[in-house]
Amino acid sequence: MSSDDPTVPVLCEACETTTEVPLSEVAETIRRHNENVHDGEEHAQVDPTIAEHLQDLVARDMGLLD
């Protein structure tokens, strides 16, 4: 993990937990948590507020909001 790798909050409402995960590890961390703790059901996720903000940034960068 690089010290330049930003962290992203991952929430699991079922476990009532929040953790900061390096961006490069988010997908694997969420997959592993849901598989190991929730029998594959999708409970853990990137904080929805952050996910929405990232979607807006990507859409703006792609010129979709112009």
C-alpha atoms as a PDB file:
ATOM      1  CA  MET A   1       0.000   0.000   0.000  1.00  0.00           C
ATOM      2  CA  SER A   2       1.319   3.399  -0.956  1.00  0.00           C
ATOM      3  CA  SER A   3       1.156   6.283   1.510  1.00  0.00           C
ATOM      4  CA  ASP A   4      -0.316   8.255  -1.410  1.00  0.00           C
ATOM      5  CA  ASP A   5      -3.256   5.823  -1.658  1.00  0.00           C
ATOM      6  CA  PRO A   6      -6.314   7.709  -0.353  1.00  0.00           C
ATOM      7  CA  THR A   7      -8.645   5.945   2.042  1.00  0.00           C
ATOM      8  CA  VAL A   8     -12.366   5.447   1.537  1.00  0.00           C
ATOM      9  CA  PRO A   9     -14.954   4.854   4.263  1.00  0.00           C
ATOM     10  CA  VAL A  10     -16.656   1.469   3.994  1.00  0.00           C
ATOM     11  CA  LEU A  11     -19.898   0.981   5.900  1.00  0.00           C
ATOM     12  CA  CYS A  12     -21.646  -2.169   6.974  1.00  0.00           C
ATOM     13  CA  GLU A  13     -25.034  -1.334   8.433  1.00  0.00           C
ATOM     14  CA  ALA A  14     -25.633  -4.994   9.326  1.00  0.00           C
ATOM     15  CA  CYS A  15     -22.527  -4.998  11.545  1.00  0.00           C
ATOM     16  CA  GLU A  16     -22.937  -1.329  12.492  1.00  0.00           C
ATOM     17  CA  THR A  17     -19.310  -0.711  11.529  1.00  0.00           C
ATOM     18  CA  THR A  18     -17.336   1.803   9.503  1.00  0.00           C
ATOM     19  CA  THR A  19     -13.725   1.390   8.474  1.00  0.00           C
ATOM     20  CA  GLU A  20     -11.264   3.353   6.362  1.00  0.00           C
ATOM     21  CA  VAL A  21      -9.813   1.261   3.533  1.00  0.00           C
ATOM     22  CA  PRO A  22      -7.127   2.234   1.004  1.00  0.00           C
ATOM     23  CA  LEU A  23      -8.790   2.969  -2.339  1.00  0.00           C
ATOM     24  CA  SER A  24      -6.765   0.246  -4.040  1.00  0.00           C
ATOM     25  CA  GLU A  25      -8.225  -2.355  -1.638  1.00  0.00           C
ATOM     26  CA  VAL A  26     -11.887  -1.270  -1.492  1.00  0.00           C
ATOM     27  CA  ALA A  27     -13.421  -3.778  -3.915  1.00  0.00           C
ATOM     28  CA  GLU A  28     -11.587  -6.774  -2.441  1.00  0.00           C
ATOM     29  CA  THR A  29     -12.273  -5.697   1.153  1.00  0.00           C
ATOM     30  CA  ILE A  30     -15.997  -5.310   0.512  1.00  0.00           C
ATOM     31  CA  ARG A  31     -16.184  -8.614  -1.381  1.00  0.00           C
ATOM     32  CA  ARG A  32     -14.279 -10.464   1.330  1.00  0.00           C
ATOM     33  CA  HIS A  33     -16.331  -8.961   4.174  1.00  0.00           C
ATOM     34  CA  ASN A  34     -19.658  -9.754   2.516  1.00  0.00           C
ATOM     35  CA  GLU A  35     -18.530 -13.280   1.640  1.00  0.00           C
ATOM     36  CA  ASN A  36     -17.028 -14.121   5.039  1.00  0.00           C
ATOM     37  CA  VAL A  37     -19.453 -12.344   7.352  1.00  0.00           C
ATOM     38  CA  HIS A  38     -22.740 -12.240   5.433  1.00  0.00           C
ATOM     39  CA  ASP A  39     -22.640 -15.409   3.292  1.00  0.00           C
ATOM     40  CA  GLY A  40     -22.200 -13.317   0.153  1.00  0.00           C
ATOM     41  CA  GLU A  41     -25.132 -10.965   0.765  1.00  0.00           C
ATOM     42  CA  GLU A  42     -24.191  -7.384  -0.079  1.00  0.00           C
ATOM     43  CA  HIS A  43     -24.231  -5.437   3.174  1.00  0.00           C
ATOM     44  CA  ALA A  44     -20.845  -3.687   3.223  1.00  0.00           C
ATOM     45  CA  GLN A  45     -20.464  -0.820   0.773  1.00  0.00           C
ATOM     46  CA  VAL A  46     -18.578   2.385   0.128  1.00  0.00           C
ATOM     47  CA  ASP A  47     -20.176   5.194   2.108  1.00  0.00           C
ATOM     48  CA  PRO A  48     -23.056   6.211  -0.207  1.00  0.00           C
ATOM     49  CA  THR A  49     -22.276   9.921   0.189  1.00  0.00           C
ATOM     50  CA  ILE A  50     -18.688   9.349  -0.930  1.00  0.00           C
ATOM     51  CA  ALA A  51     -19.783   7.051  -3.773  1.00  0.00           C
ATOM     52  CA  GLU A  52     -22.191   9.707  -5.065  1.00  0.00           C
ATOM     53  CA  HIS A  53     -19.500  12.383  -4.872  1.00  0.00           C
ATOM     54  CA  LEU A  54     -17.065  10.165  -6.801  1.00  0.00           C
ATOM     55  CA  GLN A  55     -19.708   9.520  -9.474  1.00  0.00           C
ATOM     56  CA  ASP A  56     -20.209  13.276  -9.853  1.00  0.00           C
ATOM     57  CA  LEU A  57     -16.453  13.854 -10.179  1.00  0.00           C
ATOM     58  CA  VAL A  58     -16.121  11.154 -12.836  1.00  0.00           C
ATOM     59  CA  ALA A  59     -19.149  12.452 -14.757  1.00  0.00           C
ATOM     60  CA  ARG A  60     -17.755  15.998 -14.636  1.00  0.00           C
ATOM     61  CA  ASP A  61     -14.315  14.780 -15.756  1.00  0.00           C
ATOM     62  CA  MET A  62     -15.923  12.958 -18.689  1.00  0.00           C
ATOM     63  CA  GLY A  63     -17.875  16.085 -19.646  1.00  0.00           C
ATOM     64  CA  LEU A  64     -21.232  14.458 -18.991  1.00  0.00           C
ATOM     65  CA  LEU A  65     -22.477  17.350 -16.858  1.00  0.00           C
ATOM     66  CA  ASP A  66     -21.741  20.091 -19.408  1.00  0.00           C
END
